[in-house]
């Protein structure tokens, strides 16, 4: 189960912070971790949590235009 929310979380498995473009780009599969970090993204905690996230192709397509 993945739960996401804005703001601070106590005992989070992974905290993702940064500019919206970097955060959303990573979560939607538009950027890999290195590219998102170059845009100012920071990850704190277990990066393995990201492997549980799989963006929906429909969501990505709708954002592309």
PDB file of N, CA and C in Angstrom:
ATOM      1  N   UNK A   1       0.849  -1.180   0.000  1.00  0.00           N
ATOM      2  CA  UNK A   1       0.000   0.000   0.000  1.00  0.00           C
ATOM      3  C   UNK A   1       0.884   1.228   0.000  1.00  0.00           C
ATOM      4  N   UNK A   2       0.562   2.153  -0.867  1.00  0.00           N
ATOM      5  CA  UNK A   2       1.280   3.415  -0.932  1.00  0.00           C
ATOM      6  C   UNK A   2       0.311   4.517  -0.552  1.00  0.00           C
ATOM      7  N   UNK A   3       0.736   5.332   0.390  1.00  0.00           N
ATOM      8  CA  UNK A   3      -0.072   6.489   0.789  1.00  0.00           C
ATOM      9  C   UNK A   3       0.772   7.727   0.578  1.00  0.00           C
ATOM     10  N   UNK A   4       0.190   8.709  -0.026  1.00  0.00           N
ATOM     11  CA  UNK A   4       0.910   9.953  -0.283  1.00  0.00           C
ATOM     12  C   UNK A   4       0.118  11.114   0.267  1.00  0.00           C
ATOM     13  N   UNK A   5       0.855  12.088   0.775  1.00  0.00           N
ATOM     14  CA  UNK A   5       0.218  13.317   1.243  1.00  0.00           C
ATOM     15  C   UNK A   5       1.270  14.416   1.275  1.00  0.00           C
ATOM     16  N   UNK A   6       0.822  15.632   1.244  1.00  0.00           N
ATOM     17  CA  UNK A   6       1.737  16.757   1.354  1.00  0.00           C
ATOM     18  C   UNK A   6       1.991  17.030   2.826  1.00  0.00           C
ATOM     19  N   UNK A   7       3.074  17.706   3.095  1.00  0.00           N
ATOM     20  CA  UNK A   7       3.400  18.055   4.476  1.00  0.00           C
ATOM     21  C   UNK A   7       4.361  17.061   5.088  1.00  0.00           C
ATOM     22  N   UNK A   8       4.528  17.190   6.375  1.00  0.00           N
ATOM     23  CA  UNK A   8       5.460  16.321   7.103  1.00  0.00           C
ATOM     24  C   UNK A   8       4.794  15.026   7.516  1.00  0.00           C
ATOM     25  N   UNK A   9       5.578  13.967   7.518  1.00  0.00           N
ATOM     26  CA  UNK A   9       5.086  12.665   7.947  1.00  0.00           C
ATOM     27  C   UNK A   9       6.053  12.090   8.977  1.00  0.00           C
ATOM     28  N   UNK A  10       5.509  11.507  10.006  1.00  0.00           N
ATOM     29  CA  UNK A  10       6.347  10.829  10.981  1.00  0.00           C
ATOM     30  C   UNK A  10       6.523   9.381  10.549  1.00  0.00           C
ATOM     31  N   UNK A  11       7.745   8.883  10.628  1.00  0.00           N
ATOM     32  CA  UNK A  11       8.059   7.489  10.320  1.00  0.00           C
ATOM     33  C   UNK A  11       7.699   7.089   8.884  1.00  0.00           C
ATOM     34  N   UNK A  12       7.923   7.962   7.961  1.00  0.00           N
ATOM     35  CA  UNK A  12       7.667   7.642   6.544  1.00  0.00           C
ATOM     36  C   UNK A  12       8.748   6.701   6.032  1.00  0.00           C
ATOM     37  N   UNK A  13       8.374   5.755   5.174  1.00  0.00           N
ATOM     38  CA  UNK A  13       9.353   4.875   4.544  1.00  0.00           C
ATOM     39  C   UNK A  13      10.233   5.664   3.579  1.00  0.00           C
ATOM     40  N   UNK A  14       9.629   6.643   2.915  1.00  0.00           N
ATOM     41  CA  UNK A  14      10.348   7.479   1.961  1.00  0.00           C
ATOM     42  C   UNK A  14       9.708   8.857   1.942  1.00  0.00           C
ATOM     43  N   UNK A  15      10.547   9.874   1.969  1.00  0.00           N
ATOM     44  CA  UNK A  15      10.078  11.245   1.833  1.00  0.00           C
ATOM     45  C   UNK A  15      10.673  11.814   0.550  1.00  0.00           C
ATOM     46  N   UNK A  16       9.807  12.371  -0.285  1.00  0.00           N
ATOM     47  CA  UNK A  16      10.217  12.978  -1.547  1.00  0.00           C
ATOM     48  C   UNK A  16       9.940  14.467  -1.437  1.00  0.00           C
ATOM     49  N   UNK A  17      10.960  15.271  -1.680  1.00  0.00           N
ATOM     50  CA  UNK A  17      10.795  16.727  -1.601  1.00  0.00           C
ATOM     51  C   UNK A  17      11.473  17.370  -2.797  1.00  0.00           C
ATOM     52  N   UNK A  18      10.935  18.501  -3.208  1.00  0.00           N
ATOM     53  CA  UNK A  18      11.547  19.218  -4.309  1.00  0.00           C
ATOM     54  C   UNK A  18      10.515  19.987  -5.097  1.00  0.00           C
ATOM     55  N   UNK A  19      10.953  20.599  -6.171  1.00  0.00           N
ATOM     56  CA  UNK A  19      10.043  21.347  -7.029  1.00  0.00           C
ATOM     57  C   UNK A  19       8.977  20.421  -7.615  1.00  0.00           C
ATOM     58  N   UNK A  20       7.770  20.912  -7.798  1.00  0.00           N
ATOM     59  CA  UNK A  20       6.697  20.072  -8.335  1.00  0.00           C
ATOM     60  C   UNK A  20       7.077  19.343  -9.620  1.00  0.00           C
ATOM     61  N   UNK A  21       7.782  20.007 -10.516  1.00  0.00           N
ATOM     62  CA  UNK A  21       8.163  19.381 -11.788  1.00  0.00           C
ATOM     63  C   UNK A  21       9.011  18.130 -11.548  1.00  0.00           C
ATOM     64  N   UNK A  22       9.938  18.211 -10.600  1.00  0.00           N
ATOM     65  CA  UNK A  22      10.817  17.076 -10.309  1.00  0.00           C
ATOM     66  C   UNK A  22      10.050  15.948  -9.627  1.00  0.00           C
ATOM     67  N   UNK A  23       9.216  16.292  -8.657  1.00  0.00           N
ATOM     68  CA  UNK A  23       8.453  15.270  -7.921  1.00  0.00           C
ATOM     69  C   UNK A  23       7.487  14.556  -8.854  1.00  0.00           C
ATOM     70  N   UNK A  24       6.682  15.317  -9.575  1.00  0.00           N
ATOM     71  CA  UNK A  24       5.705  14.707 -10.472  1.00  0.00           C
ATOM     72  C   UNK A  24       6.377  13.954 -11.612  1.00  0.00           C
ATOM     73  N   UNK A  25       7.447  14.518 -12.140  1.00  0.00           N
ATOM     74  CA  UNK A  25       8.169  13.846 -13.213  1.00  0.00           C
ATOM     75  C   UNK A  25       8.687  12.483 -12.783  1.00  0.00           C
ATOM     76  N   UNK A  26       9.200  12.400 -11.563  1.00  0.00           N
ATOM     77  CA  UNK A  26       9.675  11.115 -11.049  1.00  0.00           C
ATOM     78  C   UNK A  26       8.514  10.156 -10.830  1.00  0.00           C
ATOM     79  N   UNK A  27       7.467  10.623 -10.172  1.00  0.00           N
ATOM     80  CA  UNK A  27       6.342   9.752  -9.849  1.00  0.00           C
ATOM     81  C   UNK A  27       5.588   9.268 -11.082  1.00  0.00           C
ATOM     82  N   UNK A  28       5.597  10.059 -12.143  1.00  0.00           N
ATOM     83  CA  UNK A  28       4.897   9.674 -13.363  1.00  0.00           C
ATOM     84  C   UNK A  28       5.801   8.934 -14.354  1.00  0.00           C
ATOM     85  N   UNK A  29       7.042   8.724 -13.962  1.00  0.00           N
ATOM     86  CA  UNK A  29       7.957   7.982 -14.825  1.00  0.00           C
ATOM     87  C   UNK A  29       8.530   8.795 -15.962  1.00  0.00           C
ATOM     88  N   UNK A  30       8.408  10.113 -15.882  1.00  0.00           N
ATOM     89  CA  UNK A  30       8.939  10.971 -16.938  1.00  0.00           C
ATOM     90  C   UNK A  30      10.431  11.230 -16.748  1.00  0.00           C
ATOM     91  N   UNK A  31      10.904  11.135 -15.501  1.00  0.00           N
ATOM     92  CA  UNK A  31      12.322  11.319 -15.164  1.00  0.00           C
ATOM     93  C   UNK A  31      12.780  10.121 -14.355  1.00  0.00           C
ATOM     94  N   UNK A  32      14.057   9.777 -14.489  1.00  0.00           N
ATOM     95  CA  UNK A  32      14.625   8.809 -13.560  1.00  0.00           C
ATOM     96  C   UNK A  32      15.112   9.581 -12.336  1.00  0.00           C
ATOM     97  N   UNK A  33      15.599   8.861 -11.333  1.00  0.00           N
ATOM     98  CA  UNK A  33      15.999   9.510 -10.077  1.00  0.00           C
ATOM     99  C   UNK A  33      17.093  10.542 -10.312  1.00  0.00           C
ATOM    100  N   UNK A  34      18.088  10.205 -11.111  1.00  0.00           N
ATOM    101  CA  UNK A  34      19.199  11.144 -11.341  1.00  0.00           C
ATOM    102  C   UNK A  34      18.729  12.438 -11.985  1.00  0.00           C
ATOM    103  N   UNK A  35      17.871  12.330 -12.982  1.00  0.00           N
ATOM    104  CA  UNK A  35      17.365  13.538 -13.648  1.00  0.00           C
ATOM    105  C   UNK A  35      16.533  14.373 -12.682  1.00  0.00           C
ATOM    106  N   UNK A  36      15.704  13.720 -11.874  1.00  0.00           N
ATOM    107  CA  UNK A  36      14.883  14.443 -10.900  1.00  0.00           C
ATOM    108  C   UNK A  36      15.763  15.119  -9.853  1.00  0.00           C
ATOM    109  N   UNK A  37      16.828  14.458  -9.427  1.00  0.00           N
ATOM    110  CA  UNK A  37      17.745  15.063  -8.453  1.00  0.00           C
ATOM    111  C   UNK A  37      18.438  16.285  -9.042  1.00  0.00           C
ATOM    112  N   UNK A  38      18.743  16.251 -10.326  1.00  0.00           N
ATOM    113  CA  UNK A  38      19.361  17.408 -10.971  1.00  0.00           C
ATOM    114  C   UNK A  38      18.410  18.604 -11.010  1.00  0.00           C
ATOM    115  N   UNK A  39      17.112  18.312 -10.930  1.00  0.00           N
ATOM    116  CA  UNK A  39      16.108  19.374 -10.897  1.00  0.00           C
ATOM    117  C   UNK A  39      15.805  19.826  -9.470  1.00  0.00           C
ATOM    118  N   UNK A  40      16.490  19.247  -8.479  1.00  0.00           N
ATOM    119  CA  UNK A  40      16.322  19.682  -7.097  1.00  0.00           C
ATOM    120  C   UNK A  40      15.583  18.712  -6.199  1.00  0.00           C
ATOM    121  N   UNK A  41      15.275  17.520  -6.669  1.00  0.00           N
ATOM    122  CA  UNK A  41      14.565  16.528  -5.871  1.00  0.00           C
ATOM    123  C   UNK A  41      15.480  15.953  -4.800  1.00  0.00           C
ATOM    124  N   UNK A  42      14.927  15.707  -3.606  1.00  0.00           N
ATOM    125  CA  UNK A  42      15.658  15.000  -2.565  1.00  0.00           C
ATOM    126  C   UNK A  42      14.809  13.838  -2.082  1.00  0.00           C
ATOM    127  N   UNK A  43      15.465  12.717  -1.840  1.00  0.00           N
ATOM    128  CA  UNK A  43      14.818  11.514  -1.334  1.00  0.00           C
ATOM    129  C   UNK A  43      15.442  11.189   0.016  1.00  0.00           C
ATOM    130  N   UNK A  44      14.596  10.940   1.006  1.00  0.00           N
ATOM    131  CA  UNK A  44      15.064  10.555   2.332  1.00  0.00           C
ATOM    132  C   UNK A  44      14.355   9.274   2.720  1.00  0.00           C
ATOM    133  N   UNK A  45      15.122   8.234   2.988  1.00  0.00           N
ATOM    134  CA  UNK A  45      14.528   6.952   3.353  1.00  0.00           C
ATOM    135  C   UNK A  45      14.855   5.899   2.318  1.00  0.00           C
ATOM    136  N   UNK A  46      14.015   4.898   2.248  1.00  0.00           N
ATOM    137  CA  UNK A  46      14.246   3.741   1.377  1.00  0.00           C
ATOM    138  C   UNK A  46      13.805   4.029  -0.060  1.00  0.00           C
ATOM    139  N   UNK A  47      14.770   4.078  -0.954  1.00  0.00           N
ATOM    140  CA  UNK A  47      14.459   4.297  -2.368  1.00  0.00           C
ATOM    141  C   UNK A  47      13.738   3.097  -2.978  1.00  0.00           C
ATOM    142  N   UNK A  48      13.802   1.956  -2.311  1.00  0.00           N
ATOM    143  CA  UNK A  48      13.105   0.765  -2.810  1.00  0.00           C
ATOM    144  C   UNK A  48      11.599   0.982  -2.865  1.00  0.00           C
ATOM    145  N   UNK A  49      11.090   1.901  -2.068  1.00  0.00           N
ATOM    146  CA  UNK A  49       9.656   2.197  -2.073  1.00  0.00           C
ATOM    147  C   UNK A  49       9.215   2.629  -3.465  1.00  0.00           C
ATOM    148  N   UNK A  50      10.088   3.295  -4.196  1.00  0.00           N
ATOM    149  CA  UNK A  50       9.741   3.760  -5.542  1.00  0.00           C
ATOM    150  C   UNK A  50       9.384   2.607  -6.471  1.00  0.00           C
ATOM    151  N   UNK A  51       9.927   1.433  -6.212  1.00  0.00           N
ATOM    152  CA  UNK A  51       9.625   0.290  -7.076  1.00  0.00           C
ATOM    153  C   UNK A  51       8.163  -0.139  -6.956  1.00  0.00           C
ATOM    154  N   UNK A  52       7.478   0.310  -5.903  1.00  0.00           N
ATOM    155  CA  UNK A  52       6.060  -0.029  -5.729  1.00  0.00           C
ATOM    156  C   UNK A  52       5.149   0.919  -6.496  1.00  0.00           C
ATOM    157  N   UNK A  53       5.718   1.970  -7.039  1.00  0.00           N
ATOM    158  CA  UNK A  53       4.919   2.958  -7.766  1.00  0.00           C
ATOM    159  C   UNK A  53       4.996   2.679  -9.253  1.00  0.00           C
ATOM    160  N   UNK A  54       3.856   2.557  -9.883  1.00  0.00           N
ATOM    161  CA  UNK A  54       3.786   2.325 -11.320  1.00  0.00           C
ATOM    162  C   UNK A  54       2.758   3.289 -11.901  1.00  0.00           C
ATOM    163  N   UNK A  55       3.219   4.347 -12.578  1.00  0.00           N
ATOM    164  CA  UNK A  55       2.261   5.313 -13.120  1.00  0.00           C
ATOM    165  C   UNK A  55       1.346   4.679 -14.158  1.00  0.00           C
ATOM    166  N   UNK A  56       0.124   5.113 -14.149  1.00  0.00           N
ATOM    167  CA  UNK A  56      -0.857   4.652 -15.122  1.00  0.00           C
ATOM    168  C   UNK A  56      -0.533   5.252 -16.486  1.00  0.00           C
ATOM    169  N   UNK A  57      -0.532   4.439 -17.512  1.00  0.00           N
ATOM    170  CA  UNK A  57      -0.261   4.920 -18.866  1.00  0.00           C
ATOM    171  C   UNK A  57      -1.283   5.973 -19.275  1.00  0.00           C
ATOM    172  N   UNK A  58      -2.529   5.835 -18.822  1.00  0.00           N
ATOM    173  CA  UNK A  58      -3.561   6.818 -19.145  1.00  0.00           C
ATOM    174  C   UNK A  58      -3.253   8.183 -18.563  1.00  0.00           C
ATOM    175  N   UNK A  59      -2.743   8.208 -17.329  1.00  0.00           N
ATOM    176  CA  UNK A  59      -2.404   9.470 -16.681  1.00  0.00           C
ATOM    177  C   UNK A  59      -1.260  10.121 -17.412  1.00  0.00           C
ATOM    178  N   UNK A  60      -0.231   9.368 -17.704  1.00  0.00           N
ATOM    179  CA  UNK A  60       0.934   9.912 -18.403  1.00  0.00           C
ATOM    180  C   UNK A  60       0.534  10.444 -19.771  1.00  0.00           C
ATOM    181  N   UNK A  61      -0.292   9.710 -20.507  1.00  0.00           N
ATOM    182  CA  UNK A  61      -0.740  10.151 -21.839  1.00  0.00           C
ATOM    183  C   UNK A  61      -1.556  11.431 -21.763  1.00  0.00           C
ATOM    184  N   UNK A  62      -2.411  11.545 -20.748  1.00  0.00           N
ATOM    185  CA  UNK A  62      -3.232  12.746 -20.622  1.00  0.00           C
ATOM    186  C   UNK A  62      -2.395  13.970 -20.310  1.00  0.00           C
ATOM    187  N   UNK A  63      -1.306  13.805 -19.593  1.00  0.00           N
ATOM    188  CA  UNK A  63      -0.420  14.916 -19.268  1.00  0.00           C
ATOM    189  C   UNK A  63       0.434  15.331 -20.460  1.00  0.00           C
ATOM    190  N   UNK A  64       0.711  14.382 -21.342  1.00  0.00           N
ATOM    191  CA  UNK A  64       1.539  14.656 -22.506  1.00  0.00           C
ATOM    192  C   UNK A  64       0.813  15.488 -23.563  1.00  0.00           C
ATOM    193  N   UNK A  65      -0.487  15.523 -23.470  1.00  0.00           N
ATOM    194  CA  UNK A  65      -1.163  16.389 -24.393  1.00  0.00           C
ATOM    195  C   UNK A  65      -2.240  15.742 -25.139  1.00  0.00           C
TER     196      UNK A  65
END
